[in-house]
Amino acid sequence: MPGHTPAHSSPAAHAHVVPAPVLLAVWAALMALTVITVAATWVDLGRLNLVLALGIATVKAALVLLYFMHMRYDRPFNAIVFIGALAFVALFIFFALMDTAAYRPEMIPDYAPAMKGQ
C-alpha cells in the first residue's frame, strides 16, 4: 500500500536501551535497601519498624518500576500514576496494620487459654 508504513518502523515502536551502569547502580541500590530492611529487623523501633519497612518497600518498588520496567523513559504521567498507586497501597496497608494493635488476645477472656496440667 502506498503511504503505509509498518508499525515496526515507527519511532514509538523502538524500546529505550538503558545503559548498563545505570542498571548496575539501581541493582546496587536495591541490594543496599534489602540489607537496610534486614538490619532494621534487629533494631526495635516500636511502631516505626512497620513504617520503615513499608517505606523501603515502596522505594524499592518505585526503582524497579522506573528503571527495570522503563517507566523513567516513558511519558512522565504514567510514572507518576504508578508511583502514586504504590504509595497509596503502602498507605492503605499501613492503616490496616495500625488497627491490629486493638486485637490483643489478652483483652478477650478465654480467647487463648493456657493448657492445663502442665
PDB file of N, CA and C in Angstrom:
ATOM      1  N   MET A   1       0.843  -1.171   0.000  1.00  0.00           N
ATOM      2  CA  MET A   1       0.000   0.000   0.000  1.00  0.00           C
ATOM      3  C   MET A   1       0.890   1.237   0.000  1.00  0.00           C
ATOM      4  N   PRO A   2       0.624   2.153  -0.876  1.00  0.00           N
ATOM      5  CA  PRO A   2       1.422   3.380  -0.894  1.00  0.00           C
ATOM      6  C   PRO A   2       1.115   4.251   0.325  1.00  0.00           C
ATOM      7  N   GLY A   3       2.159   4.834   0.881  1.00  0.00           N
ATOM      8  CA  GLY A   3       1.988   5.731   2.017  1.00  0.00           C
ATOM      9  C   GLY A   3       1.809   5.024   3.347  1.00  0.00           C
ATOM     10  N   HIS A   4       1.769   3.701   3.340  1.00  0.00           N
ATOM     11  CA  HIS A   4       1.574   2.945   4.580  1.00  0.00           C
ATOM     12  C   HIS A   4       2.937   2.512   5.121  1.00  0.00           C
ATOM     13  N   THR A   5       3.186   2.837   6.377  1.00  0.00           N
ATOM     14  CA  THR A   5       4.445   2.407   6.992  1.00  0.00           C
ATOM     15  C   THR A   5       4.149   1.327   8.022  1.00  0.00           C
ATOM     16  N   PRO A   6       4.955   0.278   8.038  1.00  0.00           N
ATOM     17  CA  PRO A   6       4.721  -0.778   9.028  1.00  0.00           C
ATOM     18  C   PRO A   6       4.931  -0.259  10.453  1.00  0.00           C
ATOM     19  N   ALA A   7       4.294  -0.906  11.396  1.00  0.00           N
ATOM     20  CA  ALA A   7       4.355  -0.457  12.794  1.00  0.00           C
ATOM     21  C   ALA A   7       5.762  -0.539  13.360  1.00  0.00           C
ATOM     22  N   HIS A   8       6.567  -1.508  12.882  1.00  0.00           N
ATOM     23  CA  HIS A   8       7.897  -1.662  13.464  1.00  0.00           C
ATOM     24  C   HIS A   8       8.881  -0.598  12.978  1.00  0.00           C
ATOM     25  N   SER A   9       8.499   0.210  12.023  1.00  0.00           N
ATOM     26  CA  SER A   9       9.414   1.254  11.552  1.00  0.00           C
ATOM     27  C   SER A   9       9.141   2.609  12.219  1.00  0.00           C
ATOM     28  N   SER A  10       8.090   2.695  13.016  1.00  0.00           N
ATOM     29  CA  SER A  10       7.802   3.964  13.679  1.00  0.00           C
ATOM     30  C   SER A  10       8.726   4.143  14.879  1.00  0.00           C
ATOM     31  N   PRO A  11       9.071   5.390  15.211  1.00  0.00           N
ATOM     32  CA  PRO A  11       9.963   5.616  16.355  1.00  0.00           C
ATOM     33  C   PRO A  11       9.382   5.134  17.677  1.00  0.00           C
ATOM     34  N   ALA A  12       8.065   5.138  17.812  1.00  0.00           N
ATOM     35  CA  ALA A  12       7.441   4.739  19.068  1.00  0.00           C
ATOM     36  C   ALA A  12       7.573   3.239  19.319  1.00  0.00           C
ATOM     37  N   ALA A  13       7.841   2.456  18.266  1.00  0.00           N
ATOM     38  CA  ALA A  13       7.923   1.008  18.407  1.00  0.00           C
ATOM     39  C   ALA A  13       9.280   0.555  18.933  1.00  0.00           C
ATOM     40  N   HIS A  14      10.276   1.442  18.960  1.00  0.00           N
ATOM     41  CA  HIS A  14      11.610   1.054  19.411  1.00  0.00           C
ATOM     42  C   HIS A  14      11.730   1.235  20.916  1.00  0.00           C
ATOM     43  N   ALA A  15      12.308   0.250  21.554  1.00  0.00           N
ATOM     44  CA  ALA A  15      12.475   0.297  23.006  1.00  0.00           C
ATOM     45  C   ALA A  15      13.665   1.166  23.367  1.00  0.00           C
ATOM     46  N   HIS A  16      13.604   1.745  24.546  1.00  0.00           N
ATOM     47  CA  HIS A  16      14.709   2.549  25.047  1.00  0.00           C
ATOM     48  C   HIS A  16      15.731   1.611  25.677  1.00  0.00           C
ATOM     49  N   VAL A  17      16.992   1.774  25.308  1.00  0.00           N
ATOM     50  CA  VAL A  17      18.054   0.951  25.865  1.00  0.00           C
ATOM     51  C   VAL A  17      18.667   1.704  27.042  1.00  0.00           C
ATOM     52  N   VAL A  18      18.595   1.085  28.211  1.00  0.00           N
ATOM     53  CA  VAL A  18      19.148   1.694  29.413  1.00  0.00           C
ATOM     54  C   VAL A  18      20.612   1.288  29.517  1.00  0.00           C
ATOM     55  N   PRO A  19      21.508   2.249  29.736  1.00  0.00           N
ATOM     56  CA  PRO A  19      22.924   1.908  29.855  1.00  0.00           C
ATOM     57  C   PRO A  19      23.184   0.958  31.029  1.00  0.00           C
ATOM     58  N   ALA A  20      24.148   0.078  30.861  1.00  0.00           N
ATOM     59  CA  ALA A  20      24.475  -0.905  31.900  1.00  0.00           C
ATOM     60  C   ALA A  20      24.872  -0.256  33.226  1.00  0.00           C
ATOM     61  N   PRO A  21      25.652   0.842  33.236  1.00  0.00           N
ATOM     62  CA  PRO A  21      25.985   1.446  34.538  1.00  0.00           C
ATOM     63  C   PRO A  21      24.754   1.916  35.324  1.00  0.00           C
ATOM     64  N   VAL A  22      23.742   2.379  34.617  1.00  0.00           N
ATOM     65  CA  VAL A  22      22.510   2.809  35.294  1.00  0.00           C
ATOM     66  C   VAL A  22      21.812   1.601  35.919  1.00  0.00           C
ATOM     67  N   LEU A  23      21.716   0.513  35.169  1.00  0.00           N
ATOM     68  CA  LEU A  23      21.075  -0.688  35.694  1.00  0.00           C
ATOM     69  C   LEU A  23      21.858  -1.264  36.873  1.00  0.00           C
ATOM     70  N   LEU A  24      23.175  -1.239  36.791  1.00  0.00           N
ATOM     71  CA  LEU A  24      24.000  -1.740  37.898  1.00  0.00           C
ATOM     72  C   LEU A  24      23.858  -0.851  39.136  1.00  0.00           C
ATOM     73  N   ALA A  25      23.756   0.454  38.938  1.00  0.00           N
ATOM     74  CA  ALA A  25      23.569   1.366  40.071  1.00  0.00           C
ATOM     75  C   ALA A  25      22.211   1.129  40.738  1.00  0.00           C
ATOM     76  N   VAL A  26      21.178   0.909  39.943  1.00  0.00           N
ATOM     77  CA  VAL A  26      19.852   0.632  40.508  1.00  0.00           C
ATOM     78  C   VAL A  26      19.879  -0.706  41.237  1.00  0.00           C
ATOM     79  N   TRP A  27      20.537  -1.705  40.653  1.00  0.00           N
ATOM     80  CA  TRP A  27      20.658  -3.005  41.311  1.00  0.00           C
ATOM     81  C   TRP A  27      21.385  -2.865  42.646  1.00  0.00           C
ATOM     82  N   ALA A  28      22.471  -2.082  42.662  1.00  0.00           N
ATOM     83  CA  ALA A  28      23.221  -1.857  43.908  1.00  0.00           C
ATOM     84  C   ALA A  28      22.339  -1.150  44.948  1.00  0.00           C
ATOM     85  N   ALA A  29      21.539  -0.191  44.509  1.00  0.00           N
ATOM     86  CA  ALA A  29      20.627   0.498  45.428  1.00  0.00           C
ATOM     87  C   ALA A  29      19.593  -0.475  45.988  1.00  0.00           C
ATOM     88  N   LEU A  30      19.082  -1.370  45.150  1.00  0.00           N
ATOM     89  CA  LEU A  30      18.110  -2.360  45.619  1.00  0.00           C
ATOM     90  C   LEU A  30      18.751  -3.314  46.631  1.00  0.00           C
ATOM     91  N   MET A  31      19.990  -3.713  46.385  1.00  0.00           N
ATOM     92  CA  MET A  31      20.688  -4.593  47.326  1.00  0.00           C
ATOM     93  C   MET A  31      20.943  -3.871  48.654  1.00  0.00           C
ATOM     94  N   ALA A  32      21.327  -2.596  48.574  1.00  0.00           N
ATOM     95  CA  ALA A  32      21.567  -1.817  49.793  1.00  0.00           C
ATOM     96  C   ALA A  32      20.277  -1.660  50.587  1.00  0.00           C
ATOM     97  N   LEU A  33      19.179  -1.395  49.901  1.00  0.00           N
ATOM     98  CA  LEU A  33      17.896  -1.268  50.596  1.00  0.00           C
ATOM     99  C   LEU A  33      17.452  -2.594  51.207  1.00  0.00           C
ATOM    100  N   THR A  34      17.795  -3.704  50.560  1.00  0.00           N
ATOM    101  CA  THR A  34      17.481  -5.015  51.122  1.00  0.00           C
ATOM    102  C   THR A  34      18.272  -5.242  52.410  1.00  0.00           C
ATOM    103  N   VAL A  35      19.551  -4.871  52.400  1.00  0.00           N
ATOM    104  CA  VAL A  35      20.379  -5.002  53.606  1.00  0.00           C
ATOM    105  C   VAL A  35      19.817  -4.113  54.723  1.00  0.00           C
ATOM    106  N   ILE A  36      19.398  -2.901  54.373  1.00  0.00           N
ATOM    107  CA  ILE A  36      18.818  -1.995  55.371  1.00  0.00           C
ATOM    108  C   ILE A  36      17.529  -2.586  55.938  1.00  0.00           C
ATOM    109  N   THR A  37      16.730  -3.221  55.086  1.00  0.00           N
ATOM    110  CA  THR A  37      15.488  -3.843  55.550  1.00  0.00           C
ATOM    111  C   THR A  37      15.784  -4.953  56.553  1.00  0.00           C
ATOM    112  N   VAL A  38      16.755  -5.796  56.237  1.00  0.00           N
ATOM    113  CA  VAL A  38      17.111  -6.888  57.148  1.00  0.00           C
ATOM    114  C   VAL A  38      17.705  -6.328  58.437  1.00  0.00           C
ATOM    115  N   ALA A  39      18.570  -5.324  58.321  1.00  0.00           N
ATOM    116  CA  ALA A  39      19.186  -4.724  59.511  1.00  0.00           C
ATOM    117  C   ALA A  39      18.143  -4.050  60.393  1.00  0.00           C
ATOM    118  N   ALA A  40      17.089  -3.532  59.801  1.00  0.00           N
ATOM    119  CA  ALA A  40      16.047  -2.867  60.581  1.00  0.00           C
ATOM    120  C   ALA A  40      15.289  -3.851  61.466  1.00  0.00           C
ATOM    121  N   THR A  41      15.315  -5.130  61.125  1.00  0.00           N
ATOM    122  CA  THR A  41      14.633  -6.120  61.966  1.00  0.00           C
ATOM    123  C   THR A  41      15.396  -6.379  63.259  1.00  0.00           C
ATOM    124  N   TRP A  42      16.665  -6.042  63.300  1.00  0.00           N
ATOM    125  CA  TRP A  42      17.481  -6.252  64.502  1.00  0.00           C
ATOM    126  C   TRP A  42      17.328  -5.110  65.500  1.00  0.00           C
ATOM    127  N   VAL A  43      16.730  -4.009  65.089  1.00  0.00           N
ATOM    128  CA  VAL A  43      16.570  -2.836  65.946  1.00  0.00           C
ATOM    129  C   VAL A  43      15.087  -2.682  66.266  1.00  0.00           C
ATOM    130  N   ASP A  44      14.782  -2.537  67.534  1.00  0.00           N
ATOM    131  CA  ASP A  44      13.385  -2.368  67.925  1.00  0.00           C
ATOM    132  C   ASP A  44      13.038  -0.880  67.920  1.00  0.00           C
ATOM    133  N   LEU A  45      12.314  -0.479  66.896  1.00  0.00           N
ATOM    134  CA  LEU A  45      11.874   0.908  66.778  1.00  0.00           C
ATOM    135  C   LEU A  45      10.404   1.063  67.150  1.00  0.00           C
ATOM    136  N   GLY A  46       9.826   0.007  67.674  1.00  0.00           N
ATOM    137  CA  GLY A  46       8.407   0.056  68.018  1.00  0.00           C
ATOM    138  C   GLY A  46       7.546   0.088  66.766  1.00  0.00           C
ATOM    139  N   ARG A  47       6.624   1.023  66.744  1.00  0.00           N
ATOM    140  CA  ARG A  47       5.716   1.130  65.593  1.00  0.00           C
ATOM    141  C   ARG A  47       6.419   1.632  64.341  1.00  0.00           C
ATOM    142  N   LEU A  48       7.571   2.235  64.512  1.00  0.00           N
ATOM    143  CA  LEU A  48       8.292   2.761  63.353  1.00  0.00           C
ATOM    144  C   LEU A  48       8.908   1.658  62.491  1.00  0.00           C
ATOM    145  N   ASN A  49       9.050   0.440  63.027  1.00  0.00           N
ATOM    146  CA  ASN A  49       9.561  -0.661  62.215  1.00  0.00           C
ATOM    147  C   ASN A  49       8.674  -0.898  60.996  1.00  0.00           C
ATOM    148  N   LEU A  50       7.373  -0.863  61.216  1.00  0.00           N
ATOM    149  CA  LEU A  50       6.431  -1.070  60.119  1.00  0.00           C
ATOM    150  C   LEU A  50       6.513   0.069  59.115  1.00  0.00           C
ATOM    151  N   VAL A  51       6.579   1.286  59.591  1.00  0.00           N
ATOM    152  CA  VAL A  51       6.676   2.448  58.704  1.00  0.00           C
ATOM    153  C   VAL A  51       7.961   2.372  57.881  1.00  0.00           C
ATOM    154  N   LEU A  52       9.062   2.017  58.536  1.00  0.00           N
ATOM    155  CA  LEU A  52      10.342   1.905  57.838  1.00  0.00           C
ATOM    156  C   LEU A  52      10.295   0.813  56.778  1.00  0.00           C
ATOM    157  N   ALA A  53       9.756  -0.352  57.127  1.00  0.00           N
ATOM    158  CA  ALA A  53       9.682  -1.464  56.174  1.00  0.00           C
ATOM    159  C   ALA A  53       8.811  -1.106  54.970  1.00  0.00           C
ATOM    160  N   LEU A  54       7.665  -0.479  55.216  1.00  0.00           N
ATOM    161  CA  LEU A  54       6.790  -0.088  54.108  1.00  0.00           C
ATOM    162  C   LEU A  54       7.425   1.000  53.250  1.00  0.00           C
ATOM    163  N   GLY A  55       8.137   1.918  53.885  1.00  0.00           N
ATOM    164  CA  GLY A  55       8.816   2.965  53.126  1.00  0.00           C
ATOM    165  C   GLY A  55       9.901   2.406  52.225  1.00  0.00           C
ATOM    166  N   ILE A  56      10.704   1.494  52.771  1.00  0.00           N
ATOM    167  CA  ILE A  56      11.764   0.880  51.965  1.00  0.00           C
ATOM    168  C   ILE A  56      11.160   0.058  50.834  1.00  0.00           C
ATOM    169  N   ALA A  57      10.108  -0.684  51.116  1.00  0.00           N
ATOM    170  CA  ALA A  57       9.457  -1.485  50.074  1.00  0.00           C
ATOM    171  C   ALA A  57       8.898  -0.597  48.970  1.00  0.00           C
ATOM    172  N   THR A  58       8.363   0.541  49.320  1.00  0.00           N
ATOM    173  CA  THR A  58       7.824   1.461  48.316  1.00  0.00           C
ATOM    174  C   THR A  58       8.935   2.036  47.445  1.00  0.00           C
ATOM    175  N   VAL A  59      10.051   2.400  48.066  1.00  0.00           N
ATOM    176  CA  VAL A  59      11.186   2.927  47.293  1.00  0.00           C
ATOM    177  C   VAL A  59      11.737   1.855  46.360  1.00  0.00           C
ATOM    178  N   LYS A  60      11.852   0.622  46.852  1.00  0.00           N
ATOM    179  CA  LYS A  60      12.353  -0.470  46.012  1.00  0.00           C
ATOM    180  C   LYS A  60      11.411  -0.741  44.832  1.00  0.00           C
ATOM    181  N   ALA A  61      10.111  -0.752  45.104  1.00  0.00           N
ATOM    182  CA  ALA A  61       9.146  -0.979  44.022  1.00  0.00           C
ATOM    183  C   ALA A  61       9.210   0.150  42.998  1.00  0.00           C
ATOM    184  N   ALA A  62       9.396   1.373  43.471  1.00  0.00           N
ATOM    185  CA  ALA A  62       9.497   2.510  42.545  1.00  0.00           C
ATOM    186  C   ALA A  62      10.753   2.401  41.684  1.00  0.00           C
ATOM    187  N   LEU A  63      11.871   1.972  42.263  1.00  0.00           N
ATOM    188  CA  LEU A  63      13.099   1.803  41.473  1.00  0.00           C
ATOM    189  C   LEU A  63      12.926   0.734  40.401  1.00  0.00           C
ATOM    190  N   VAL A  64      12.324  -0.383  40.776  1.00  0.00           N
ATOM    191  CA  VAL A  64      12.079  -1.448  39.795  1.00  0.00           C
ATOM    192  C   VAL A  64      11.169  -0.950  38.683  1.00  0.00           C
ATOM    193  N   LEU A  65      10.121  -0.261  39.064  1.00  0.00           N
ATOM    194  CA  LEU A  65       9.169   0.253  38.089  1.00  0.00           C
ATOM    195  C   LEU A  65       9.820   1.264  37.148  1.00  0.00           C
ATOM    196  N   LEU A  66      10.577   2.182  37.697  1.00  0.00           N
ATOM    197  CA  LEU A  66      11.149   3.243  36.879  1.00  0.00           C
ATOM    198  C   LEU A  66      12.253   2.760  35.950  1.00  0.00           C
ATOM    199  N   TYR A  67      13.136   1.895  36.448  1.00  0.00           N
ATOM    200  CA  TYR A  67      14.306   1.550  35.647  1.00  0.00           C
ATOM    201  C   TYR A  67      14.207   0.195  34.959  1.00  0.00           C
ATOM    202  N   PHE A  68      13.766  -0.840  35.654  1.00  0.00           N
ATOM    203  CA  PHE A  68      13.699  -2.147  35.022  1.00  0.00           C
ATOM    204  C   PHE A  68      12.464  -2.315  34.154  1.00  0.00           C
ATOM    205  N   MET A  69      11.408  -1.556  34.449  1.00  0.00           N
ATOM    206  CA  MET A  69      10.215  -1.580  33.616  1.00  0.00           C
ATOM    207  C   MET A  69      10.167  -0.374  32.677  1.00  0.00           C
ATOM    208  N   HIS A  70      11.237   0.413  32.659  1.00  0.00           N
ATOM    209  CA  HIS A  70      11.442   1.529  31.726  1.00  0.00           C
ATOM    210  C   HIS A  70      10.415   2.646  31.830  1.00  0.00           C
ATOM    211  N   MET A  71       9.773   2.815  32.978  1.00  0.00           N
ATOM    212  CA  MET A  71       8.832   3.920  33.128  1.00  0.00           C
ATOM    213  C   MET A  71       9.541   5.266  33.197  1.00  0.00           C
ATOM    214  N   ARG A  72      10.788   5.264  33.569  1.00  0.00           N
ATOM    215  CA  ARG A  72      11.566   6.509  33.636  1.00  0.00           C
ATOM    216  C   ARG A  72      11.641   7.173  32.274  1.00  0.00           C
ATOM    217  N   TYR A  73      11.623   6.368  31.241  1.00  0.00           N
ATOM    218  CA  TYR A  73      11.790   6.885  29.884  1.00  0.00           C
ATOM    219  C   TYR A  73      10.473   6.942  29.122  1.00  0.00           C
ATOM    220  N   ASP A  74       9.385   6.638  29.787  1.00  0.00           N
ATOM    221  CA  ASP A  74       8.057   6.729  29.191  1.00  0.00           C
ATOM    222  C   ASP A  74       7.496   8.116  29.488  1.00  0.00           C
ATOM    223  N   ARG A  75       6.249   8.322  29.171  1.00  0.00           N
ATOM    224  CA  ARG A  75       5.615   9.603  29.498  1.00  0.00           C
ATOM    225  C   ARG A  75       5.632   9.799  31.006  1.00  0.00           C
ATOM    226  N   PRO A  76       5.977  10.980  31.485  1.00  0.00           N
ATOM    227  CA  PRO A  76       6.059  11.212  32.941  1.00  0.00           C
ATOM    228  C   PRO A  76       4.745  10.947  33.675  1.00  0.00           C
ATOM    229  N   PHE A  77       3.643  11.182  33.022  1.00  0.00           N
ATOM    230  CA  PHE A  77       2.353  10.963  33.667  1.00  0.00           C
ATOM    231  C   PHE A  77       2.186   9.508  34.088  1.00  0.00           C
ATOM    232  N   ASN A  78       2.621   8.558  33.240  1.00  0.00           N
ATOM    233  CA  ASN A  78       2.488   7.138  33.579  1.00  0.00           C
ATOM    234  C   ASN A  78       3.299   6.791  34.825  1.00  0.00           C
ATOM    235  N   ALA A  79       4.503   7.299  34.928  1.00  0.00           N
ATOM    236  CA  ALA A  79       5.334   7.029  36.105  1.00  0.00           C
ATOM    237  C   ALA A  79       4.714   7.637  37.356  1.00  0.00           C
ATOM    238  N   ILE A  80       4.181   8.831  37.240  1.00  0.00           N
ATOM    239  CA  ILE A  80       3.551   9.481  38.392  1.00  0.00           C
ATOM    240  C   ILE A  80       2.343   8.674  38.864  1.00  0.00           C
ATOM    241  N   VAL A  81       1.542   8.195  37.938  1.00  0.00           N
ATOM    242  CA  VAL A  81       0.368   7.398  38.301  1.00  0.00           C
ATOM    243  C   VAL A  81       0.787   6.106  38.992  1.00  0.00           C
ATOM    244  N   PHE A  82       1.787   5.413  38.451  1.00  0.00           N
ATOM    245  CA  PHE A  82       2.209   4.146  39.049  1.00  0.00           C
ATOM    246  C   PHE A  82       2.854   4.350  40.418  1.00  0.00           C
ATOM    247  N   ILE A  83       3.696   5.353  40.565  1.00  0.00           N
ATOM    248  CA  ILE A  83       4.325   5.601  41.862  1.00  0.00           C
ATOM    249  C   ILE A  83       3.281   6.058  42.876  1.00  0.00           C
ATOM    250  N   GLY A  84       2.340   6.856  42.431  1.00  0.00           N
ATOM    251  CA  GLY A  84       1.240   7.248  43.313  1.00  0.00           C
ATOM    252  C   GLY A  84       0.425   6.044  43.765  1.00  0.00           C
ATOM    253  N   ALA A  85       0.177   5.106  42.858  1.00  0.00           N
ATOM    254  CA  ALA A  85      -0.552   3.889  43.217  1.00  0.00           C
ATOM    255  C   ALA A  85       0.231   3.076  44.239  1.00  0.00           C
ATOM    256  N   LEU A  86       1.548   2.962  44.054  1.00  0.00           N
ATOM    257  CA  LEU A  86       2.368   2.239  45.032  1.00  0.00           C
ATOM    258  C   LEU A  86       2.330   2.917  46.398  1.00  0.00           C
ATOM    259  N   ALA A  87       2.397   4.222  46.397  1.00  0.00           N
ATOM    260  CA  ALA A  87       2.360   4.953  47.668  1.00  0.00           C
ATOM    261  C   ALA A  87       1.025   4.747  48.371  1.00  0.00           C
ATOM    262  N   PHE A  88      -0.068   4.747  47.629  1.00  0.00           N
ATOM    263  CA  PHE A  88      -1.375   4.539  48.241  1.00  0.00           C
ATOM    264  C   PHE A  88      -1.542   3.108  48.751  1.00  0.00           C
ATOM    265  N   VAL A  89      -0.996   2.126  48.044  1.00  0.00           N
ATOM    266  CA  VAL A  89      -1.056   0.744  48.539  1.00  0.00           C
ATOM    267  C   VAL A  89      -0.310   0.647  49.863  1.00  0.00           C
ATOM    268  N   ALA A  90       0.884   1.240  49.923  1.00  0.00           N
ATOM    269  CA  ALA A  90       1.649   1.232  51.176  1.00  0.00           C
ATOM    270  C   ALA A  90       0.875   1.940  52.286  1.00  0.00           C
ATOM    271  N   LEU A  91       0.238   3.050  51.952  1.00  0.00           N
ATOM    272  CA  LEU A  91      -0.544   3.790  52.940  1.00  0.00           C
ATOM    273  C   LEU A  91      -1.734   2.968  53.437  1.00  0.00           C
ATOM    274  N   PHE A  92      -2.435   2.310  52.536  1.00  0.00           N
ATOM    275  CA  PHE A  92      -3.586   1.500  52.933  1.00  0.00           C
ATOM    276  C   PHE A  92      -3.150   0.318  53.796  1.00  0.00           C
ATOM    277  N   ILE A  93      -2.053  -0.321  53.446  1.00  0.00           N
ATOM    278  CA  ILE A  93      -1.554  -1.432  54.258  1.00  0.00           C
ATOM    279  C   ILE A  93      -1.161  -0.920  55.641  1.00  0.00           C
ATOM    280  N   PHE A  94      -0.501   0.230  55.681  1.00  0.00           N
ATOM    281  CA  PHE A  94      -0.098   0.811  56.952  1.00  0.00           C
ATOM    282  C   PHE A  94      -1.309   1.074  57.839  1.00  0.00           C
ATOM    283  N   PHE A  95      -2.360   1.683  57.294  1.00  0.00           N
ATOM    284  CA  PHE A  95      -3.552   1.964  58.088  1.00  0.00           C
ATOM    285  C   PHE A  95      -4.259   0.687  58.520  1.00  0.00           C
ATOM    286  N   ALA A  96      -4.259  -0.332  57.663  1.00  0.00           N
ATOM    287  CA  ALA A  96      -4.887  -1.601  58.036  1.00  0.00           C
ATOM    288  C   ALA A  96      -4.112  -2.271  59.170  1.00  0.00           C
ATOM    289  N   LEU A  97      -2.801  -2.185  59.138  1.00  0.00           N
ATOM    290  CA  LEU A  97      -1.992  -2.804  60.178  1.00  0.00           C
ATOM    291  C   LEU A  97      -2.004  -2.008  61.482  1.00  0.00           C
ATOM    292  N   MET A  98      -2.305  -0.728  61.406  1.00  0.00           N
ATOM    293  CA  MET A  98      -2.415   0.063  62.633  1.00  0.00           C
ATOM    294  C   MET A  98      -3.551  -0.455  63.509  1.00  0.00           C
ATOM    295  N   ASP A  99      -4.559  -1.006  62.889  1.00  0.00           N
ATOM    296  CA  ASP A  99      -5.729  -1.496  63.597  1.00  0.00           C
ATOM    297  C   ASP A  99      -5.467  -2.815  64.312  1.00  0.00           C
ATOM    298  N   THR A 100      -4.423  -3.533  63.941  1.00  0.00           N
ATOM    299  CA  THR A 100      -4.184  -4.845  64.542  1.00  0.00           C
ATOM    300  C   THR A 100      -3.800  -4.753  66.009  1.00  0.00           C
ATOM    301  N   ALA A 101      -3.310  -3.613  66.455  1.00  0.00           N
ATOM    302  CA  ALA A 101      -2.948  -3.460  67.865  1.00  0.00           C
ATOM    303  C   ALA A 101      -4.177  -3.509  68.771  1.00  0.00           C
ATOM    304  N   ALA A 102      -5.349  -3.255  68.224  1.00  0.00           N
ATOM    305  CA  ALA A 102      -6.570  -3.257  69.024  1.00  0.00           C
ATOM    306  C   ALA A 102      -7.056  -4.675  69.317  1.00  0.00           C
ATOM    307  N   TYR A 103      -6.533  -5.654  68.614  1.00  0.00           N
ATOM    308  CA  TYR A 103      -6.995  -7.034  68.776  1.00  0.00           C
ATOM    309  C   TYR A 103      -5.951  -7.855  69.508  1.00  0.00           C
ATOM    310  N   ARG A 104      -5.845  -7.627  70.790  1.00  0.00           N
ATOM    311  CA  ARG A 104      -4.885  -8.362  71.619  1.00  0.00           C
ATOM    312  C   ARG A 104      -5.608  -9.550  72.249  1.00  0.00           C
ATOM    313  N   PRO A 105      -4.999 -10.720  72.212  1.00  0.00           N
ATOM    314  CA  PRO A 105      -5.665 -11.899  72.786  1.00  0.00           C
ATOM    315  C   PRO A 105      -5.934 -11.769  74.280  1.00  0.00           C
ATOM    316  N   GLU A 106      -5.078 -11.032  75.000  1.00  0.00           N
ATOM    317  CA  GLU A 106      -5.289 -10.924  76.443  1.00  0.00           C
ATOM    318  C   GLU A 106      -6.493 -10.053  76.785  1.00  0.00           C
ATOM    319  N   MET A 107      -7.015  -9.319  75.824  1.00  0.00           N
ATOM    320  CA  MET A 107      -8.179  -8.478  76.077  1.00  0.00           C
ATOM    321  C   MET A 107      -9.476  -9.277  76.008  1.00  0.00           C
ATOM    322  N   ILE A 108      -9.433 -10.456  75.388  1.00  0.00           N
ATOM    323  CA  ILE A 108     -10.630 -11.278  75.240  1.00  0.00           C
ATOM    324  C   ILE A 108     -10.522 -12.453  76.215  1.00  0.00           C
ATOM    325  N   PRO A 109     -11.401 -12.534  77.201  1.00  0.00           N
ATOM    326  CA  PRO A 109     -11.319 -13.630  78.183  1.00  0.00           C
ATOM    327  C   PRO A 109     -11.469 -14.996  77.522  1.00  0.00           C
ATOM    328  N   ASP A 110     -10.628 -15.924  77.944  1.00  0.00           N
ATOM    329  CA  ASP A 110     -10.641 -17.310  77.453  1.00  0.00           C
ATOM    330  C   ASP A 110     -10.449 -17.424  75.948  1.00  0.00           C
ATOM    331  N   TYR A 111      -9.831 -16.435  75.344  1.00  0.00           N
ATOM    332  CA  TYR A 111      -9.586 -16.484  73.896  1.00  0.00           C
ATOM    333  C   TYR A 111      -8.503 -17.509  73.580  1.00  0.00           C
ATOM    334  N   ALA A 112      -7.430 -17.479  74.333  1.00  0.00           N
ATOM    335  CA  ALA A 112      -6.344 -18.426  74.135  1.00  0.00           C
ATOM    336  C   ALA A 112      -5.930 -18.944  75.504  1.00  0.00           C
ATOM    337  N   PRO A 113      -6.745 -19.818  76.077  1.00  0.00           N
ATOM    338  CA  PRO A 113      -6.425 -20.303  77.428  1.00  0.00           C
ATOM    339  C   PRO A 113      -5.186 -21.185  77.416  1.00  0.00           C
ATOM    340  N   ALA A 114      -4.444 -21.151  78.508  1.00  0.00           N
ATOM    341  CA  ALA A 114      -3.261 -21.996  78.647  1.00  0.00           C
ATOM    342  C   ALA A 114      -3.705 -23.445  78.847  1.00  0.00           C
ATOM    343  N   MET A 115      -2.894 -24.371  78.402  1.00  0.00           N
ATOM    344  CA  MET A 115      -3.209 -25.785  78.571  1.00  0.00           C
ATOM    345  C   MET A 115      -3.056 -26.137  80.054  1.00  0.00           C
ATOM    346  N   LYS A 116      -4.025 -26.838  80.574  1.00  0.00           N
ATOM    347  CA  LYS A 116      -3.993 -27.231  81.988  1.00  0.00           C
ATOM    348  C   LYS A 116      -3.281 -28.570  82.133  1.00  0.00           C
ATOM    349  N   GLY A 117      -2.650 -28.721  83.268  1.00  0.00           N
ATOM    350  CA  GLY A 117      -1.981 -29.983  83.550  1.00  0.00           C
ATOM    351  C   GLY A 117      -0.512 -29.963  83.168  1.00  0.00           C
ATOM    352  N   GLN A 118       0.033 -28.841  82.847  1.00  0.00           N
ATOM    353  CA  GLN A 118       1.454 -28.797  82.504  1.00  0.00           C
ATOM    354  C   GLN A 118       2.265 -28.391  83.675  1.00  0.00           C
TER     355      GLN A 118
END
